Amino acid sequence: MKTHYVLIAALALTACAMPPVPPAPEASVDEEPIDIGILWVEYSAEYQAITAQVYADALEDLPRLLADTSFSALPGQTDAADKPAAIILDVDETVVSNAEYQETLRYAPYTRFGHFDWMRNNRAVPIRGANALIEAAKAAGVEVFFLTNRACERFEGIDGDCPYEQVTIDDLREVGIETDADRLLMAWEQPGWSKEKRHRRDYIGQTHRVIGLYGDDYGDFVHCTRAKPLDPCTEPATRASRHAALDTYADYWGNGWYILPNPMHGSWTSVR
């Protein structure tokens, strides 16, 4: 019962931190219409309710998963009982919303620099419920890692070898989450760290018992989910192979694995 009251209080604080929702824009006859998936994420109460629900379930499960030292959210991780516990969260559409940025793609195609530039010049928008989970995990002594496919690379005219890193840390800080470069694992930050996240999950698993994965894309949980295979994957994913994984990992969904909705973009858009 005590956990129930703490959960309600945490979610109430998160709700208060959310900015007011503006009315949906009306496109002029000369503009490309905004994709309905983007509008649903940005303006619907249903989307907000789903993210709150996902994180509420995750928050309720956290003490159980922490206490059960035989449990790991990384399939195949064994002999981890004595390792410190950790959770792994994606960033975009998991902790920070990109719906406003997605609207801009009516006028220009996606580029990594374009997203970087947008995020450094606009205040990050939080995903409802994420902060409550993260704060509860930290309070329980659980290490919190962020594993993102934002790229660690140079941009012309921008200082540093990995300017996206600091922008991402700033984005998290803007939504009320403190972290640092040691807990933020980016694509291509180290050799072999491609957009296939398996290597980075396994890297965290070398030192920690991972008790929770949180993301919006199948690849935040399941290996080899892309139409274009990346090491260590050798075959392209298909709709059939992705659906088969639902049964392969049936024991994890809602039990250490918590997926959020994202109808805007992701690895699902390229598979056939």
C-alpha atoms as a PDB file:
ATOM      1  CA  MET A   1       0.000   0.000   0.000  1.00  0.00           C
ATOM      2  CA  LYS A   2       2.866   2.364   0.792  1.00  0.00           C
ATOM      3  CA  THR A   3       4.323   1.727  -2.686  1.00  0.00           C
ATOM      4  CA  HIS A   4       0.922   2.553  -4.176  1.00  0.00           C
ATOM      5  CA  TYR A   5       0.838   5.972  -2.501  1.00  0.00           C
ATOM      6  CA  VAL A   6       4.435   6.734  -3.513  1.00  0.00           C
ATOM      7  CA  LEU A   7       3.558   5.804  -7.096  1.00  0.00           C
ATOM      8  CA  ILE A   8       0.538   8.134  -7.142  1.00  0.00           C
ATOM      9  CA  ALA A   9       2.575  11.000  -5.712  1.00  0.00           C
ATOM     10  CA  ALA A  10       5.421  10.497  -8.170  1.00  0.00           C
ATOM     11  CA  LEU A  11       3.098  10.430 -11.163  1.00  0.00           C
ATOM     12  CA  ALA A  12       1.253  13.494  -9.912  1.00  0.00           C
ATOM     13  CA  LEU A  13       4.515  15.431  -9.727  1.00  0.00           C
ATOM     14  CA  THR A  14       5.416  14.276 -13.227  1.00  0.00           C
ATOM     15  CA  ALA A  15       2.045  15.394 -14.553  1.00  0.00           C
ATOM     16  CA  CYS A  16       2.483  18.829 -12.999  1.00  0.00           C
ATOM     17  CA  ALA A  17       5.833  19.176 -14.742  1.00  0.00           C
ATOM     18  CA  MET A  18       4.302  18.636 -18.175  1.00  0.00           C
ATOM     19  CA  PRO A  19       3.881  21.784 -20.298  1.00  0.00           C
ATOM     20  CA  PRO A  20       0.345  22.727 -21.365  1.00  0.00           C
ATOM     21  CA  VAL A  21      -0.730  21.066 -24.605  1.00  0.00           C
ATOM     22  CA  PRO A  22      -1.304  23.628 -27.396  1.00  0.00           C
ATOM     23  CA  PRO A  23      -4.062  23.203 -29.965  1.00  0.00           C
ATOM     24  CA  ALA A  24      -3.153  21.173 -33.036  1.00  0.00           C
ATOM     25  CA  PRO A  25      -1.981  23.363 -35.927  1.00  0.00           C
ATOM     26  CA  GLU A  26      -4.003  23.724 -39.088  1.00  0.00           C
ATOM     27  CA  ALA A  27      -2.009  23.248 -42.282  1.00  0.00           C
ATOM     28  CA  SER A  28      -2.569  25.703 -45.085  1.00  0.00           C
ATOM     29  CA  VAL A  29      -3.455  24.445 -48.563  1.00  0.00           C
ATOM     30  CA  ASP A  30       0.156  25.066 -49.632  1.00  0.00           C
ATOM     31  CA  GLU A  31       1.707  22.910 -46.884  1.00  0.00           C
ATOM     32  CA  GLU A  32       2.308  19.192 -46.721  1.00  0.00           C
ATOM     33  CA  PRO A  33      -0.164  17.811 -44.141  1.00  0.00           C
ATOM     34  CA  ILE A  34       1.286  16.677 -40.820  1.00  0.00           C
ATOM     35  CA  ASP A  35       1.349  12.895 -40.418  1.00  0.00           C
ATOM     36  CA  ILE A  36      -1.468  11.747 -38.148  1.00  0.00           C
ATOM     37  CA  GLY A  37       0.977   9.706 -36.064  1.00  0.00           C
ATOM     38  CA  ILE A  38       2.911  12.857 -35.212  1.00  0.00           C
ATOM     39  CA  LEU A  39      -0.292  14.688 -34.295  1.00  0.00           C
ATOM     40  CA  TRP A  40      -1.380  11.781 -32.098  1.00  0.00           C
ATOM     41  CA  VAL A  41       1.893  11.808 -30.160  1.00  0.00           C
ATOM     42  CA  GLU A  42       1.974  15.563 -29.763  1.00  0.00           C
ATOM     43  CA  TYR A  43      -1.654  16.334 -28.970  1.00  0.00           C
ATOM     44  CA  SER A  44      -3.659  13.294 -27.877  1.00  0.00           C
ATOM     45  CA  ALA A  45      -4.512  12.551 -24.262  1.00  0.00           C
ATOM     46  CA  GLU A  46      -4.401   8.875 -25.214  1.00  0.00           C
ATOM     47  CA  TYR A  47      -0.665   9.021 -25.899  1.00  0.00           C
ATOM     48  CA  GLN A  48      -0.029  10.725 -22.551  1.00  0.00           C
ATOM     49  CA  ALA A  49      -2.144   8.102 -20.788  1.00  0.00           C
ATOM     50  CA  ILE A  50      -0.240   5.228 -22.402  1.00  0.00           C
ATOM     51  CA  THR A  51       3.211   6.538 -21.453  1.00  0.00           C
ATOM     52  CA  ALA A  52       2.011   7.190 -17.905  1.00  0.00           C
ATOM     53  CA  GLN A  53       0.614   3.658 -17.760  1.00  0.00           C
ATOM     54  CA  VAL A  54       3.807   2.034 -19.074  1.00  0.00           C
ATOM     55  CA  TYR A  55       5.996   3.827 -16.567  1.00  0.00           C
ATOM     56  CA  ALA A  56       3.543   3.242 -13.716  1.00  0.00           C
ATOM     57  CA  ASP A  57       3.725  -0.498 -14.375  1.00  0.00           C
ATOM     58  CA  ALA A  58       7.511  -0.326 -14.593  1.00  0.00           C
ATOM     59  CA  LEU A  59       7.719   1.630 -11.351  1.00  0.00           C
ATOM     60  CA  GLU A  60       5.520  -0.892  -9.555  1.00  0.00           C
ATOM     61  CA  ASP A  61       7.692  -3.781 -10.813  1.00  0.00           C
ATOM     62  CA  LEU A  62      11.020  -2.176  -9.921  1.00  0.00           C
ATOM     63  CA  PRO A  63      11.288  -3.369  -6.264  1.00  0.00           C
ATOM     64  CA  ARG A  64      10.480  -6.969  -7.266  1.00  0.00           C
ATOM     65  CA  LEU A  65      13.015  -7.050 -10.102  1.00  0.00           C
ATOM     66  CA  LEU A  66      15.665  -5.495  -7.882  1.00  0.00           C
ATOM     67  CA  ALA A  67      15.071  -7.986  -5.079  1.00  0.00           C
ATOM     68  CA  ASP A  68      15.170 -11.049  -7.348  1.00  0.00           C
ATOM     69  CA  THR A  69      18.909 -11.390  -7.907  1.00  0.00           C
ATOM     70  CA  SER A  70      18.337 -14.313 -10.293  1.00  0.00           C
ATOM     71  CA  PHE A  71      16.529 -12.030 -12.738  1.00  0.00           C
ATOM     72  CA  SER A  72      18.126 -10.207 -15.651  1.00  0.00           C
ATOM     73  CA  ALA A  73      16.428  -8.267 -18.450  1.00  0.00           C
ATOM     74  CA  LEU A  74      19.289  -9.268 -20.751  1.00  0.00           C
ATOM     75  CA  PRO A  75      18.544 -12.704 -22.228  1.00  0.00           C
ATOM     76  CA  GLY A  76      21.544 -14.905 -21.705  1.00  0.00           C
ATOM     77  CA  GLN A  77      23.048 -12.872 -18.874  1.00  0.00           C
ATOM     78  CA  THR A  78      24.055 -15.348 -16.176  1.00  0.00           C
ATOM     79  CA  ASP A  79      26.067 -15.234 -12.965  1.00  0.00           C
ATOM     80  CA  ALA A  80      25.019 -11.621 -12.440  1.00  0.00           C
ATOM     81  CA  ALA A  81      23.520 -11.962  -8.956  1.00  0.00           C
ATOM     82  CA  ASP A  82      26.434 -10.216  -7.286  1.00  0.00           C
ATOM     83  CA  LYS A  83      26.644  -7.361  -9.797  1.00  0.00           C
ATOM     84  CA  PRO A  84      25.111  -3.969  -9.024  1.00  0.00           C
ATOM     85  CA  ALA A  85      21.696  -3.445 -10.591  1.00  0.00           C
ATOM     86  CA  ALA A  86      21.114  -1.142 -13.554  1.00  0.00           C
ATOM     87  CA  ILE A  87      18.362  -0.068 -15.910  1.00  0.00           C
ATOM     88  CA  ILE A  88      18.803   1.039 -19.537  1.00  0.00           C
ATOM     89  CA  LEU A  89      16.642   3.651 -21.225  1.00  0.00           C
ATOM     90  CA  ASP A  90      16.569   4.874 -24.786  1.00  0.00           C
ATOM     91  CA  VAL A  91      16.335   8.688 -25.089  1.00  0.00           C
ATOM     92  CA  ASP A  92      14.204   9.831 -28.032  1.00  0.00           C
ATOM     93  CA  GLU A  93      10.513   8.930 -27.693  1.00  0.00           C
ATOM     94  CA  THR A  94      11.365   7.206 -24.405  1.00  0.00           C
ATOM     95  CA  VAL A  95      12.496  10.067 -22.165  1.00  0.00           C
ATOM     96  CA  VAL A  96      12.395  13.033 -24.583  1.00  0.00           C
ATOM     97  CA  SER A  97       9.704  13.650 -27.206  1.00  0.00           C
ATOM     98  CA  ASN A  98      10.631  14.595 -30.763  1.00  0.00           C
ATOM     99  CA  ALA A  99       7.115  15.197 -32.066  1.00  0.00           C
ATOM    100  CA  GLU A 100       7.739  18.916 -32.606  1.00  0.00           C
ATOM    101  CA  TYR A 101      10.917  18.140 -34.544  1.00  0.00           C
ATOM    102  CA  GLN A 102       9.073  15.539 -36.620  1.00  0.00           C
ATOM    103  CA  GLU A 103       6.712  18.290 -37.759  1.00  0.00           C
ATOM    104  CA  THR A 104       9.651  20.142 -39.317  1.00  0.00           C
ATOM    105  CA  LEU A 105      10.404  17.205 -41.626  1.00  0.00           C
ATOM    106  CA  ARG A 106       7.572  18.405 -43.862  1.00  0.00           C
ATOM    107  CA  TYR A 107      10.005  21.046 -45.083  1.00  0.00           C
ATOM    108  CA  ALA A 108      13.380  19.287 -45.070  1.00  0.00           C
ATOM    109  CA  PRO A 109      14.535  15.644 -44.904  1.00  0.00           C
ATOM    110  CA  TYR A 110      15.934  14.129 -41.718  1.00  0.00           C
ATOM    111  CA  THR A 111      19.666  14.483 -41.136  1.00  0.00           C
ATOM    112  CA  ARG A 112      21.617  13.798 -37.967  1.00  0.00           C
ATOM    113  CA  PHE A 113      22.932  17.368 -37.988  1.00  0.00           C
ATOM    114  CA  GLY A 114      19.408  18.686 -38.501  1.00  0.00           C
ATOM    115  CA  HIS A 115      18.182  16.869 -35.413  1.00  0.00           C
ATOM    116  CA  PHE A 116      21.246  17.939 -33.434  1.00  0.00           C
ATOM    117  CA  ASP A 117      20.695  21.546 -34.458  1.00  0.00           C
ATOM    118  CA  TRP A 118      17.010  21.442 -33.560  1.00  0.00           C
ATOM    119  CA  MET A 119      17.639  19.976 -30.115  1.00  0.00           C
ATOM    120  CA  ARG A 120      20.384  22.437 -29.218  1.00  0.00           C
ATOM    121  CA  ASN A 121      18.113  25.354 -30.133  1.00  0.00           C
ATOM    122  CA  ASN A 122      14.832  24.117 -28.628  1.00  0.00           C
ATOM    123  CA  ARG A 123      13.887  23.053 -25.142  1.00  0.00           C
ATOM    124  CA  ALA A 124      13.413  19.312 -24.698  1.00  0.00           C
ATOM    125  CA  VAL A 125       9.894  17.982 -24.030  1.00  0.00           C
ATOM    126  CA  PRO A 126       9.567  15.208 -21.404  1.00  0.00           C
ATOM    127  CA  ILE A 127       7.808  11.879 -21.837  1.00  0.00           C
ATOM    128  CA  ARG A 128       5.205  11.552 -19.094  1.00  0.00           C
ATOM    129  CA  GLY A 129       6.198   9.090 -16.365  1.00  0.00           C
ATOM    130  CA  ALA A 130       9.892   8.677 -17.179  1.00  0.00           C
ATOM    131  CA  ASN A 131      11.172  10.961 -14.436  1.00  0.00           C
ATOM    132  CA  ALA A 132       9.274   9.109 -11.715  1.00  0.00           C
ATOM    133  CA  LEU A 133      10.818   5.792 -12.704  1.00  0.00           C
ATOM    134  CA  ILE A 134      14.333   7.203 -13.001  1.00  0.00           C
ATOM    135  CA  GLU A 135      14.199   8.960  -9.648  1.00  0.00           C
ATOM    136  CA  ALA A 136      12.836   5.837  -7.950  1.00  0.00           C
ATOM    137  CA  ALA A 137      15.602   3.717  -9.487  1.00  0.00           C
ATOM    138  CA  LYS A 138      18.293   6.115  -8.338  1.00  0.00           C
ATOM    139  CA  ALA A 139      16.800   6.271  -4.841  1.00  0.00           C
ATOM    140  CA  ALA A 140      16.929   2.458  -4.689  1.00  0.00           C
ATOM    141  CA  GLY A 141      20.618   2.450  -5.654  1.00  0.00           C
ATOM    142  CA  VAL A 142      20.031   1.299  -9.229  1.00  0.00           C
ATOM    143  CA  GLU A 143      22.443   2.677 -11.840  1.00  0.00           C
ATOM    144  CA  VAL A 144      20.662   4.449 -14.716  1.00  0.00           C
ATOM    145  CA  PHE A 145      22.148   4.254 -18.216  1.00  0.00           C
ATOM    146  CA  PHE A 146      20.935   5.930 -21.378  1.00  0.00           C
ATOM    147  CA  LEU A 147      21.604   4.079 -24.619  1.00  0.00           C
ATOM    148  CA  THR A 148      20.832   6.215 -27.661  1.00  0.00           C
ATOM    149  CA  ASN A 149      21.371   6.039 -31.402  1.00  0.00           C
ATOM    150  CA  ARG A 150      22.176   9.715 -31.520  1.00  0.00           C
ATOM    151  CA  ALA A 151      25.572   9.634 -33.169  1.00  0.00           C
ATOM    152  CA  CYS A 152      28.964  10.424 -31.685  1.00  0.00           C
ATOM    153  CA  GLU A 153      30.569  12.189 -34.653  1.00  0.00           C
ATOM    154  CA  ARG A 154      32.023  15.497 -35.743  1.00  0.00           C
ATOM    155  CA  PHE A 155      29.869  18.163 -37.385  1.00  0.00           C
ATOM    156  CA  GLU A 156      31.412  20.781 -39.636  1.00  0.00           C
ATOM    157  CA  GLY A 157      31.696  24.113 -37.877  1.00  0.00           C
ATOM    158  CA  ILE A 158      30.912  22.621 -34.442  1.00  0.00           C
ATOM    159  CA  ASP A 159      33.606  22.188 -31.779  1.00  0.00           C
ATOM    160  CA  GLY A 160      34.444  18.770 -30.391  1.00  0.00           C
ATOM    161  CA  ASP A 161      34.556  15.166 -31.575  1.00  0.00           C
ATOM    162  CA  CYS A 162      31.129  14.310 -30.145  1.00  0.00           C
ATOM    163  CA  PRO A 163      28.989  17.474 -29.834  1.00  0.00           C
ATOM    164  CA  TYR A 164      25.747  15.473 -29.823  1.00  0.00           C
ATOM    165  CA  GLU A 165      26.778  14.039 -26.449  1.00  0.00           C
ATOM    166  CA  GLN A 166      26.598  17.309 -24.545  1.00  0.00           C
ATOM    167  CA  VAL A 167      23.386  18.314 -26.332  1.00  0.00           C
ATOM    168  CA  THR A 168      21.839  15.011 -25.213  1.00  0.00           C
ATOM    169  CA  ILE A 169      22.983  15.535 -21.624  1.00  0.00           C
ATOM    170  CA  ASP A 170      21.498  19.035 -21.810  1.00  0.00           C
ATOM    171  CA  ASP A 171      18.220  17.649 -23.197  1.00  0.00           C
ATOM    172  CA  LEU A 172      17.956  15.231 -20.288  1.00  0.00           C
ATOM    173  CA  ARG A 173      18.722  18.007 -17.829  1.00  0.00           C
ATOM    174  CA  GLU A 174      16.006  20.162 -19.398  1.00  0.00           C
ATOM    175  CA  VAL A 175      13.425  17.489 -18.593  1.00  0.00           C
ATOM    176  CA  GLY A 176      14.720  17.155 -15.035  1.00  0.00           C
ATOM    177  CA  ILE A 177      17.139  14.224 -15.347  1.00  0.00           C
ATOM    178  CA  GLU A 178      20.796  14.452 -14.364  1.00  0.00           C
ATOM    179  CA  THR A 179      23.335  12.177 -16.004  1.00  0.00           C
ATOM    180  CA  ASP A 180      26.870  12.293 -17.397  1.00  0.00           C
ATOM    181  CA  ALA A 181      28.966  11.024 -20.297  1.00  0.00           C
ATOM    182  CA  ASP A 182      29.851   7.775 -18.489  1.00  0.00           C
ATOM    183  CA  ARG A 183      26.168   6.791 -18.368  1.00  0.00           C
ATOM    184  CA  LEU A 184      25.287   7.895 -21.894  1.00  0.00           C
ATOM    185  CA  LEU A 185      26.254   5.362 -24.584  1.00  0.00           C
ATOM    186  CA  MET A 186      25.959   6.743 -28.108  1.00  0.00           C
ATOM    187  CA  ALA A 187      26.146   5.183 -31.547  1.00  0.00           C
ATOM    188  CA  TRP A 188      29.731   5.009 -32.886  1.00  0.00           C
ATOM    189  CA  GLU A 189      31.154   6.265 -29.604  1.00  0.00           C
ATOM    190  CA  GLN A 190      33.439   3.224 -29.565  1.00  0.00           C
ATOM    191  CA  PRO A 191      34.468   0.809 -32.343  1.00  0.00           C
ATOM    192  CA  GLY A 192      31.626  -1.595 -33.074  1.00  0.00           C
ATOM    193  CA  TRP A 193      28.960   0.532 -31.430  1.00  0.00           C
ATOM    194  CA  SER A 194      26.649   0.826 -34.431  1.00  0.00           C
ATOM    195  CA  LYS A 195      22.903   1.424 -34.379  1.00  0.00           C
ATOM    196  CA  GLU A 196      22.513  -2.260 -33.476  1.00  0.00           C
ATOM    197  CA  LYS A 197      22.324  -1.810 -29.704  1.00  0.00           C
ATOM    198  CA  ARG A 198      23.305  -5.331 -28.693  1.00  0.00           C
ATOM    199  CA  HIS A 199      26.994  -4.501 -28.216  1.00  0.00           C
ATOM    200  CA  ARG A 200      26.218  -1.607 -25.890  1.00  0.00           C
ATOM    201  CA  ARG A 201      23.696  -3.571 -23.846  1.00  0.00           C
ATOM    202  CA  ASP A 202      26.257  -6.350 -23.454  1.00  0.00           C
ATOM    203  CA  TYR A 203      28.885  -3.767 -22.485  1.00  0.00           C
ATOM    204  CA  ILE A 204      26.703  -2.618 -19.576  1.00  0.00           C
ATOM    205  CA  GLY A 205      25.988  -6.244 -18.739  1.00  0.00           C
ATOM    206  CA  GLN A 206      29.679  -6.894 -18.159  1.00  0.00           C
ATOM    207  CA  THR A 207      29.557  -4.827 -14.977  1.00  0.00           C
ATOM    208  CA  HIS A 208      25.867  -4.703 -14.012  1.00  0.00           C
ATOM    209  CA  ARG A 209      22.808  -6.909 -13.621  1.00  0.00           C
ATOM    210  CA  VAL A 210      20.362  -5.202 -15.946  1.00  0.00           C
ATOM    211  CA  ILE A 211      16.871  -5.331 -14.426  1.00  0.00           C
ATOM    212  CA  GLY A 212      14.983  -3.131 -16.895  1.00  0.00           C
ATOM    213  CA  LEU A 213      14.957  -2.062 -20.552  1.00  0.00           C
ATOM    214  CA  TYR A 214      12.797   0.875 -21.656  1.00  0.00           C
ATOM    215  CA  GLY A 215      12.401   2.058 -25.235  1.00  0.00           C
ATOM    216  CA  ASP A 216      10.112   2.856 -28.150  1.00  0.00           C
ATOM    217  CA  ASP A 217      11.756   0.697 -30.815  1.00  0.00           C
ATOM    218  CA  TYR A 218      11.936  -3.094 -31.065  1.00  0.00           C
ATOM    219  CA  GLY A 219      15.709  -2.740 -31.332  1.00  0.00           C
ATOM    220  CA  ASP A 220      15.812  -1.351 -27.784  1.00  0.00           C
ATOM    221  CA  PHE A 221      15.025  -4.890 -26.644  1.00  0.00           C
ATOM    222  CA  VAL A 222      15.443  -7.477 -29.399  1.00  0.00           C
ATOM    223  CA  HIS A 223      18.586  -8.192 -31.422  1.00  0.00           C
ATOM    224  CA  CYS A 224      18.664  -7.940 -35.202  1.00  0.00           C
ATOM    225  CA  THR A 225      15.434  -6.072 -35.944  1.00  0.00           C
ATOM    226  CA  ARG A 226      16.536  -3.937 -38.911  1.00  0.00           C
ATOM    227  CA  ALA A 227      16.045  -4.378 -42.633  1.00  0.00           C
ATOM    228  CA  LYS A 228      19.760  -3.621 -43.060  1.00  0.00           C
ATOM    229  CA  PRO A 229      21.700  -6.001 -40.809  1.00  0.00           C
ATOM    230  CA  LEU A 230      24.470  -4.575 -38.665  1.00  0.00           C
ATOM    231  CA  ASP A 231      27.143  -6.601 -36.831  1.00  0.00           C
ATOM    232  CA  PRO A 232      26.636  -9.113 -35.270  1.00  0.00           C
ATOM    233  CA  CYS A 233      23.482  -9.603 -37.372  1.00  0.00           C
ATOM    234  CA  THR A 234      23.923 -11.291 -40.743  1.00  0.00           C
ATOM    235  CA  GLU A 235      20.359 -11.498 -42.103  1.00  0.00           C
ATOM    236  CA  PRO A 236      17.889  -8.678 -42.687  1.00  0.00           C
ATOM    237  CA  ALA A 237      14.924  -8.590 -40.348  1.00  0.00           C
ATOM    238  CA  THR A 238      11.450  -9.068 -41.759  1.00  0.00           C
ATOM    239  CA  ARG A 239       7.976  -8.472 -40.415  1.00  0.00           C
ATOM    240  CA  ALA A 240       7.727 -12.225 -39.872  1.00  0.00           C
ATOM    241  CA  SER A 241      11.010 -12.452 -37.915  1.00  0.00           C
ATOM    242  CA  ARG A 242      10.048  -9.489 -35.745  1.00  0.00           C
ATOM    243  CA  HIS A 243       6.667 -11.015 -34.929  1.00  0.00           C
ATOM    244  CA  ALA A 244       8.303 -14.347 -34.125  1.00  0.00           C
ATOM    245  CA  ALA A 245      10.395 -12.568 -31.488  1.00  0.00           C
ATOM    246  CA  LEU A 246       7.203 -11.652 -29.641  1.00  0.00           C
ATOM    247  CA  ASP A 247       6.877 -15.296 -28.653  1.00  0.00           C
ATOM    248  CA  THR A 248      10.617 -15.885 -28.217  1.00  0.00           C
ATOM    249  CA  TYR A 249      10.754 -13.165 -25.552  1.00  0.00           C
ATOM    250  CA  ALA A 250       7.198 -13.520 -24.246  1.00  0.00           C
ATOM    251  CA  ASP A 251       8.335 -13.690 -20.617  1.00  0.00           C
ATOM    252  CA  TYR A 252       9.996 -10.264 -20.778  1.00  0.00           C
ATOM    253  CA  TRP A 253       7.264  -7.985 -22.119  1.00  0.00           C
ATOM    254  CA  GLY A 254       5.909  -6.121 -19.103  1.00  0.00           C
ATOM    255  CA  ASN A 255       8.402  -7.981 -16.924  1.00  0.00           C
ATOM    256  CA  GLY A 256      11.666  -6.083 -17.256  1.00  0.00           C
ATOM    257  CA  TRP A 257      10.902  -4.897 -20.799  1.00  0.00           C
ATOM    258  CA  TYR A 258       8.658  -1.831 -21.214  1.00  0.00           C
ATOM    259  CA  ILE A 259       7.916  -0.474 -24.673  1.00  0.00           C
ATOM    260  CA  LEU A 260       6.386   2.909 -25.453  1.00  0.00           C
ATOM    261  CA  PRO A 261       4.383   3.813 -28.572  1.00  0.00           C
ATOM    262  CA  ASN A 262       6.064   5.523 -31.514  1.00  0.00           C
ATOM    263  CA  PRO A 263       4.061   5.677 -34.764  1.00  0.00           C
ATOM    264  CA  MET A 264       6.376   8.362 -36.203  1.00  0.00           C
ATOM    265  CA  HIS A 265       9.660   6.627 -37.049  1.00  0.00           C
ATOM    266  CA  GLY A 266      11.808   3.603 -36.200  1.00  0.00           C
ATOM    267  CA  SER A 267      13.159   0.321 -37.486  1.00  0.00           C
ATOM    268  CA  TRP A 268       9.635  -0.985 -38.155  1.00  0.00           C
ATOM    269  CA  THR A 269       9.226   1.437 -41.088  1.00  0.00           C
ATOM    270  CA  SER A 270      11.820  -0.310 -43.286  1.00  0.00           C
ATOM    271  CA  VAL A 271      11.039  -4.013 -42.862  1.00  0.00           C
ATOM    272  CA  ARG A 272       8.821  -5.975 -45.239  1.00  0.00           C
END
